[in-house]
Amino acid sequence: MHIELEQKQYRQGHRQIWKNIKDLLKSCFGFQSKNNRLFNKDGSLIDKNHLRTNISNHKQSYKQRQQTWPYLLNIYSPSMTNYDKKIYQNQAQIRYNKLKRVWQERISRGDQFYLVLADKILRDVHRTDRHVKFIKKKKEILFNIMMTYSVYHPYPCYSQGMSDMLTPIVYVFLDESLSYFAYCSLMTRYMNSLFDQDQIEINHRLYLFNLLFHSIDNELWKKIYFNQEEEEKNLFVYRWLLLDCKREFYRFDDILRVFELIWINSIASSIRTNYNRSLFTIFICISILQEDRMKILSYSNEEDLNKYFYSSLSSKSRHHSTKQILERAQKYYFNYTLAEK
C-alpha cells in the first residue's frame, strides 16, 4: 500500500510538472490552442482569412463553433472586442423581443393571416430534425424565430425546408435572439433566392450541377441520366441543392461540418458571384454520388436507381463516410479556385 501511494503521488507530481511547463510556454512564447490563436486578447478576430483556413483544415468542436460561427454568418465584425459583443447581444435581445411581440399580439387578437402562417410553420417545425434530442426541446424557439423571420421577410414567402436551415444555428448559438439574426443573415445573403417562386436560382444550380457532374465523371453521369425519365432526372438532386445536402447526412455533427465548409466557401468567401457561391454544394453532391459509384454503376434498370435515390437516403447508415465525401469536395473546389487564378 505504501508503495502504491508513493507511485500515485509521483504520477500526480509528474502531471503537475508538465502543466507548469505548458503554462510557462504560454506566457513566454504565446503558445496557445488552435482556436485561441484566432483571437486577440480583447476578443477581436486576428484575421478572417486565417479563420476560414482554420475551419477548412480542422473540424471544429462545439465550443469552437460558438466562437467562429458568428463570424461566418456576419453577426460579429472582426474588430469587435468581447465588450462590444456583450453590447451587441443585449441590443439584439431588445430588438428581437420587440419584433416578436408584434406578431404575438396579432395572434392573440385572432388575425387570420398570422394564424394560418403560424399553423403552417408549427407543422414544419415539429417535423424538422425529430431524431435530434436537443432540437426536440427547442421547438418553441424554432417556431418563434421562423414566425418572426417570415413576418418581417415576406419575400420569398415561407415554404417547407426553411426550418431545416435554422436548426443547426439554434443548436450552436443557443441564444434565441442571436439565432434569429444569424438566420436572417444566412437567408438574406445566401439562401433566399433558392426559395423564390420563379425558381431561377435553383434551376441555375441544377444546370451547373449537370455541367460539372458531366465533366468530372461522365460515366456515372450517363448511368444516372440515361436511365431515368426526363421529368425525373433532376428530382433526386433538387432537395440536395435546395437544402445544401442537409438531409443526406444523418449524424447532426456531420451536418454542422457540412454547413460550415459550405459557408466558408460561399457567404464568407471572397468569391461572391452567384455562379461561385453554389459550387461547393454542387461538389458535395457529386462527391456523394461518387462515394457509391460502384453500387450505382451496377444497377441494371431505372427501378434500382429509384430505390437508391428515394429509399436508401433515409437510412441511418447512409453516408457514414462523411469525411471522405467532404475531402473529395474540398479537392474539387481547391482545383477550381486554382484554375480561376
Protein backbone atom coordinates (compact mmCIF):
# COMPACT_ATOMS: atom_id res chain seq x y z
CA MET A 1 0.00 0.00 0.00
CA HIS A 2 2.82 2.38 0.88
CA ILE A 3 4.49 1.76 -2.50
CA GLU A 4 1.23 2.28 -4.38
CA LEU A 5 0.66 5.57 -2.56
CA GLU A 6 4.15 6.75 -3.49
CA GLN A 7 3.59 5.82 -7.14
CA LYS A 8 0.30 7.70 -7.19
CA GLN A 9 1.92 10.79 -5.68
CA TYR A 10 4.74 10.54 -8.24
CA ARG A 11 2.27 10.44 -11.17
CA GLN A 12 0.36 13.42 -9.82
CA GLY A 13 3.57 15.36 -9.35
CA HIS A 14 4.72 14.40 -12.85
CA ARG A 15 1.48 15.72 -14.38
CA GLN A 16 1.78 18.96 -12.41
CA ILE A 17 5.34 19.49 -13.66
CA TRP A 18 4.20 19.23 -17.29
CA LYS A 19 1.25 21.52 -16.61
CA ASN A 20 3.67 24.10 -15.20
CA ILE A 21 5.90 23.75 -18.28
CA LYS A 22 2.88 24.26 -20.57
CA ASP A 23 1.82 27.37 -18.63
CA LEU A 24 5.39 28.69 -18.83
CA LEU A 25 5.47 28.21 -22.60
CA LYS A 26 2.14 30.03 -22.87
CA SER A 27 3.41 33.06 -21.00
CA CYS A 28 6.87 33.20 -22.62
CA PHE A 29 6.20 32.22 -26.23
CA GLY A 30 2.47 32.77 -26.72
CA PHE A 31 1.80 29.03 -27.02
CA GLN A 32 -1.96 28.63 -27.40
CA SER A 33 -4.54 26.20 -28.68
CA LYS A 34 -5.51 26.32 -32.36
CA ASN A 35 -8.80 28.00 -31.55
CA ASN A 36 -7.30 30.72 -29.29
CA ARG A 37 -4.80 31.73 -31.95
CA LEU A 38 -7.72 33.11 -33.93
CA PHE A 39 -8.34 35.91 -31.43
CA ASN A 40 -6.52 38.79 -29.79
CA LYS A 41 -6.58 39.18 -26.01
CA ASP A 42 -9.51 41.59 -26.23
CA GLY A 43 -11.57 39.03 -28.19
CA SER A 44 -11.25 40.66 -31.61
CA LEU A 45 -10.54 38.43 -34.59
CA ILE A 46 -6.91 38.39 -35.75
CA ASP A 47 -7.62 37.63 -39.40
CA LYS A 48 -10.78 36.47 -41.21
CA ASN A 49 -8.85 34.55 -43.87
CA HIS A 50 -6.99 32.68 -41.13
CA LEU A 51 -10.37 31.85 -39.59
CA ARG A 52 -11.56 30.34 -42.87
CA THR A 53 -8.34 28.35 -43.27
CA ASN A 54 -8.55 27.09 -39.69
CA ILE A 55 -12.14 25.87 -40.17
CA SER A 56 -11.30 24.33 -43.53
CA ASN A 57 -8.37 22.35 -42.11
CA HIS A 58 -9.71 21.44 -38.67
CA LYS A 59 -13.09 20.08 -37.66
CA GLN A 60 -14.49 22.44 -35.04
CA SER A 61 -15.56 21.43 -31.55
CA TYR A 62 -18.90 22.62 -30.20
CA LYS A 63 -17.26 25.42 -28.16
CA GLN A 64 -15.16 26.49 -31.14
CA ARG A 65 -18.27 26.76 -33.31
CA GLN A 66 -19.86 29.03 -30.73
CA GLN A 67 -16.90 31.36 -31.25
CA THR A 68 -16.44 31.05 -35.02
CA TRP A 69 -19.96 30.77 -36.46
CA PRO A 70 -20.92 34.39 -35.58
CA TYR A 71 -18.15 35.47 -37.98
CA LEU A 72 -19.17 33.01 -40.70
CA LEU A 73 -22.71 34.39 -40.55
CA ASN A 74 -21.59 38.00 -40.26
CA ILE A 75 -23.07 38.57 -36.80
CA TYR A 76 -19.75 39.85 -35.45
CA SER A 77 -17.31 42.06 -37.32
CA PRO A 78 -13.60 41.16 -36.96
CA SER A 79 -12.83 44.28 -34.90
CA MET A 80 -15.44 43.60 -32.21
CA THR A 81 -13.98 43.05 -28.74
CA ASN A 82 -15.56 40.90 -26.03
CA TYR A 83 -17.07 44.09 -24.59
CA ASP A 84 -18.52 45.03 -28.00
CA LYS A 85 -20.03 41.56 -28.34
CA LYS A 86 -21.79 41.86 -24.98
CA ILE A 87 -23.30 45.19 -26.05
CA TYR A 88 -24.41 43.68 -29.36
CA GLN A 89 -26.01 40.69 -27.59
CA ASN A 90 -28.00 42.94 -25.26
CA GLN A 91 -29.18 45.16 -28.13
CA ALA A 92 -30.08 42.11 -30.25
CA GLN A 93 -32.24 40.71 -27.46
CA ILE A 94 -34.13 44.01 -27.01
CA ARG A 95 -34.70 44.41 -30.76
CA TYR A 96 -35.77 40.78 -31.27
CA ASN A 97 -38.26 40.86 -28.41
CA LYS A 98 -39.90 43.96 -29.92
CA LEU A 99 -40.25 42.25 -33.29
CA LYS A 100 -41.64 39.09 -31.72
CA ARG A 101 -44.28 40.93 -29.66
CA VAL A 102 -45.90 42.34 -32.81
CA TRP A 103 -46.99 39.00 -34.29
CA GLN A 104 -47.78 37.56 -30.86
CA GLU A 105 -50.28 40.38 -30.29
CA ARG A 106 -51.80 39.82 -33.74
CA ILE A 107 -52.28 36.12 -32.99
CA SER A 108 -53.87 36.90 -29.63
CA ARG A 109 -56.41 39.10 -31.49
CA GLY A 110 -57.24 36.22 -33.85
CA ASP A 111 -55.76 37.76 -37.01
CA GLN A 112 -56.41 35.13 -39.69
CA PHE A 113 -53.24 35.76 -41.72
CA TYR A 114 -50.99 35.21 -38.71
CA LEU A 115 -52.97 32.19 -37.51
CA VAL A 116 -52.65 30.47 -40.91
CA LEU A 117 -48.92 31.24 -41.09
CA ALA A 118 -48.39 30.01 -37.52
CA ASP A 119 -50.18 26.72 -38.26
CA LYS A 120 -48.06 26.14 -41.36
CA ILE A 121 -44.78 26.85 -39.55
CA LEU A 122 -45.74 24.83 -36.47
CA ARG A 123 -46.39 21.71 -38.57
CA ASP A 124 -42.98 22.01 -40.26
CA VAL A 125 -41.14 22.75 -37.02
CA HIS A 126 -42.48 19.56 -35.42
CA ARG A 127 -41.19 17.52 -38.38
CA THR A 128 -37.72 19.09 -38.51
CA ASP A 129 -34.82 17.03 -37.11
CA ARG A 130 -37.06 14.93 -34.89
CA HIS A 131 -34.21 12.47 -34.32
CA VAL A 132 -32.08 15.11 -32.54
CA LYS A 133 -32.87 15.23 -28.79
CA PHE A 134 -31.67 18.81 -28.38
CA ILE A 135 -33.90 20.06 -31.20
CA LYS A 136 -36.93 18.26 -29.73
CA LYS A 137 -36.65 20.50 -26.67
CA LYS A 138 -36.28 23.71 -28.72
CA LYS A 139 -39.45 23.59 -30.83
CA GLU A 140 -40.84 26.77 -29.25
CA ILE A 141 -37.63 28.68 -30.05
CA LEU A 142 -37.67 27.38 -33.63
CA PHE A 143 -41.30 28.42 -34.02
CA ASN A 144 -40.69 31.90 -32.58
CA ILE A 145 -37.71 32.55 -34.87
CA MET A 146 -39.44 31.23 -38.01
CA MET A 147 -42.58 33.28 -37.29
CA THR A 148 -40.58 36.45 -36.67
CA TYR A 149 -38.48 35.91 -39.79
CA SER A 150 -41.48 35.13 -42.01
CA VAL A 151 -43.45 38.18 -40.82
CA TYR A 152 -40.61 40.62 -41.45
CA HIS A 153 -39.23 38.89 -44.57
CA PRO A 154 -42.36 38.12 -46.62
CA TYR A 155 -40.46 37.66 -49.92
CA PRO A 156 -39.97 34.88 -50.68
CA CYS A 157 -42.92 33.70 -48.60
CA TYR A 158 -42.41 30.92 -46.05
CA SER A 159 -42.04 27.48 -47.59
CA GLN A 160 -41.18 24.00 -46.41
CA GLY A 161 -37.46 23.48 -45.91
CA MET A 162 -36.67 26.88 -44.41
CA SER A 163 -36.76 25.44 -40.87
CA ASP A 164 -34.10 22.89 -41.90
CA MET A 165 -31.59 25.70 -42.23
CA LEU A 166 -32.43 27.06 -38.77
CA THR A 167 -31.86 24.04 -36.51
CA PRO A 168 -28.03 23.96 -36.82
CA ILE A 169 -27.92 27.67 -35.95
CA VAL A 170 -30.07 27.26 -32.82
CA TYR A 171 -28.01 24.23 -31.81
CA VAL A 172 -24.76 26.23 -31.90
CA PHE A 173 -25.88 29.74 -30.86
CA LEU A 174 -28.32 28.61 -28.13
CA ASP A 175 -29.49 32.20 -27.61
CA GLU A 176 -32.83 32.85 -29.34
CA SER A 177 -32.18 36.45 -30.37
CA LEU A 178 -28.68 35.77 -31.75
CA SER A 179 -30.03 32.72 -33.58
CA TYR A 180 -32.66 34.93 -35.20
CA PHE A 181 -30.17 37.48 -36.54
CA ALA A 182 -27.78 34.73 -37.66
CA TYR A 183 -30.63 33.07 -39.54
CA CYS A 184 -31.62 36.39 -41.15
CA SER A 185 -28.04 36.83 -42.31
CA LEU A 186 -27.89 33.32 -43.78
CA MET A 187 -31.19 33.67 -45.62
CA THR A 188 -30.79 37.20 -46.98
CA ARG A 189 -27.16 36.78 -48.05
CA TYR A 190 -27.28 33.23 -49.37
CA MET A 191 -30.49 31.16 -49.22
CA ASN A 192 -33.48 33.37 -50.06
CA SER A 193 -33.14 33.22 -53.83
CA LEU A 194 -33.30 29.41 -53.68
CA PHE A 195 -36.85 29.61 -52.30
CA ASP A 196 -38.09 32.16 -54.88
CA GLN A 197 -41.19 31.01 -56.72
CA ASP A 198 -39.58 31.88 -60.07
CA GLN A 199 -37.00 29.12 -59.30
CA ILE A 200 -34.31 30.95 -61.27
CA GLU A 201 -31.58 30.30 -58.69
CA ILE A 202 -32.39 26.63 -58.04
CA ASN A 203 -32.60 25.97 -61.81
CA HIS A 204 -29.23 27.68 -62.15
CA ARG A 205 -27.82 25.29 -59.55
CA LEU A 206 -29.30 22.31 -61.38
CA TYR A 207 -27.73 23.50 -64.63
CA LEU A 208 -24.30 23.91 -63.00
CA PHE A 209 -24.61 20.54 -61.30
CA ASN A 210 -25.24 18.75 -64.61
CA LEU A 211 -22.45 20.66 -66.32
CA LEU A 212 -19.86 19.87 -63.64
CA PHE A 213 -21.03 16.30 -62.99
CA HIS A 214 -20.81 15.53 -66.71
CA SER A 215 -17.26 16.95 -66.81
CA ILE A 216 -15.98 15.26 -63.63
CA ASP A 217 -17.48 11.77 -64.04
CA ASN A 218 -19.07 11.28 -67.45
CA GLU A 219 -19.61 7.53 -67.00
CA LEU A 220 -21.55 7.95 -63.76
CA TRP A 221 -23.49 10.90 -65.19
CA LYS A 222 -24.60 8.80 -68.19
CA LYS A 223 -25.62 5.92 -65.94
CA ILE A 224 -27.94 8.14 -63.91
CA TYR A 225 -29.37 10.40 -66.61
CA PHE A 226 -29.74 7.88 -69.43
CA ASN A 227 -31.73 5.52 -67.19
CA GLN A 228 -34.37 7.94 -65.91
CA GLU A 229 -37.43 9.57 -67.41
CA GLU A 230 -36.90 13.19 -68.49
CA GLU A 231 -39.13 14.68 -65.75
CA GLU A 232 -37.38 12.66 -63.03
CA LYS A 233 -33.76 13.35 -63.96
CA ASN A 234 -33.23 16.20 -61.50
CA LEU A 235 -35.70 15.22 -58.78
CA PHE A 236 -33.14 13.39 -56.64
CA VAL A 237 -30.66 16.27 -56.59
CA TYR A 238 -33.24 19.07 -56.27
CA ARG A 239 -33.52 18.63 -52.50
CA TRP A 240 -29.76 18.26 -52.14
CA LEU A 241 -29.14 21.59 -53.85
CA LEU A 242 -32.04 23.39 -52.16
CA LEU A 243 -31.02 22.45 -48.59
CA ASP A 244 -27.22 22.22 -49.02
CA CYS A 245 -27.34 18.41 -48.64
CA LYS A 246 -28.56 18.71 -45.04
CA ARG A 247 -30.84 15.67 -45.15
CA GLU A 248 -28.25 13.44 -46.78
CA PHE A 249 -26.20 13.12 -43.58
CA TYR A 250 -27.82 11.52 -40.56
CA ARG A 251 -25.39 12.47 -37.78
CA PHE A 252 -26.09 16.04 -36.70
CA ASP A 253 -22.41 16.76 -36.08
CA ASP A 254 -21.73 15.83 -39.71
CA ILE A 255 -24.40 18.32 -40.81
CA LEU A 256 -22.67 21.07 -38.81
CA ARG A 257 -19.39 20.23 -40.54
CA VAL A 258 -21.03 20.26 -43.98
CA PHE A 259 -22.62 23.64 -43.33
CA GLU A 260 -19.51 25.39 -42.02
CA LEU A 261 -17.49 24.21 -45.02
CA ILE A 262 -20.19 25.43 -47.40
CA TRP A 263 -20.34 28.79 -45.64
CA ILE A 264 -16.61 29.48 -45.69
CA ASN A 265 -16.63 28.73 -49.42
CA SER A 266 -19.81 30.71 -50.11
CA ILE A 267 -21.11 33.55 -47.92
CA ALA A 268 -17.83 34.05 -46.05
CA SER A 269 -15.71 33.70 -49.17
CA SER A 270 -14.05 36.46 -51.14
CA ILE A 271 -15.66 34.86 -54.22
CA ARG A 272 -19.18 36.25 -54.07
CA THR A 273 -20.77 35.92 -57.51
CA ASN A 274 -23.95 33.87 -57.86
CA TYR A 275 -22.04 31.47 -60.09
CA ASN A 276 -19.41 30.65 -57.48
CA ARG A 277 -21.37 30.64 -54.26
CA SER A 278 -23.19 27.39 -55.08
CA LEU A 279 -20.14 25.48 -56.29
CA PHE A 280 -19.10 23.86 -53.02
CA THR A 281 -22.61 22.47 -52.50
CA ILE A 282 -22.52 21.09 -56.04
CA PHE A 283 -19.15 19.44 -55.43
CA ILE A 284 -20.57 17.78 -52.29
CA CYS A 285 -23.48 16.41 -54.36
CA ILE A 286 -21.07 14.95 -56.92
CA SER A 287 -18.88 13.54 -54.16
CA ILE A 288 -21.89 11.82 -52.54
CA LEU A 289 -22.66 10.07 -55.83
CA GLN A 290 -19.04 9.08 -56.33
CA GLU A 291 -18.91 7.57 -52.85
CA ASP A 292 -21.44 5.00 -54.10
CA ARG A 293 -20.10 4.93 -57.63
CA MET A 294 -19.66 1.17 -57.99
CA LYS A 295 -23.08 0.47 -56.49
CA ILE A 296 -24.81 2.91 -58.88
CA LEU A 297 -22.97 1.56 -61.93
CA SER A 298 -24.05 -1.97 -61.01
CA TYR A 299 -27.76 -1.14 -61.23
CA SER A 300 -29.41 -2.57 -64.32
CA ASN A 301 -32.63 -0.54 -64.55
CA GLU A 302 -34.47 2.63 -63.55
CA GLU A 303 -36.29 0.89 -60.68
CA ASP A 304 -32.99 0.07 -58.95
CA LEU A 305 -31.84 3.67 -59.34
CA ASN A 306 -35.08 4.99 -57.88
CA LYS A 307 -34.74 2.69 -54.89
CA TYR A 308 -31.25 4.06 -54.29
CA PHE A 309 -32.24 7.72 -54.57
CA TYR A 310 -35.61 7.70 -52.85
CA SER A 311 -35.35 4.86 -50.31
CA SER A 312 -31.77 4.32 -49.15
CA LEU A 313 -31.13 8.01 -48.48
CA SER A 314 -33.42 7.88 -45.45
CA SER A 315 -31.38 5.09 -43.85
CA LYS A 316 -29.47 5.87 -40.66
CA SER A 317 -26.43 4.13 -42.10
CA ARG A 318 -26.33 6.44 -45.10
CA HIS A 319 -23.14 8.39 -45.63
CA HIS A 320 -21.07 7.13 -42.74
CA SER A 321 -18.08 8.17 -44.87
CA THR A 322 -18.71 11.90 -44.43
CA LYS A 323 -15.01 12.67 -44.08
CA GLN A 324 -14.15 11.15 -47.48
CA ILE A 325 -17.11 12.90 -49.14
CA LEU A 326 -16.06 16.31 -47.83
CA GLU A 327 -12.36 15.80 -48.56
CA ARG A 328 -13.20 14.96 -52.18
CA ALA A 329 -15.46 18.02 -52.44
CA GLN A 330 -12.70 20.21 -50.98
CA LYS A 331 -10.25 18.84 -53.53
CA TYR A 332 -12.60 19.68 -56.40
CA TYR A 333 -13.17 23.18 -55.03
CA PHE A 334 -9.44 23.74 -54.48
CA ASN A 335 -8.68 22.69 -58.07
CA TYR A 336 -11.39 25.05 -59.30
CA THR A 337 -10.01 28.03 -57.37
CA LEU A 338 -6.51 27.27 -58.71
CA ALA A 339 -7.84 27.28 -62.27
CA GLU A 340 -9.56 30.63 -61.62
CA LYS A 341 -6.30 32.37 -60.67
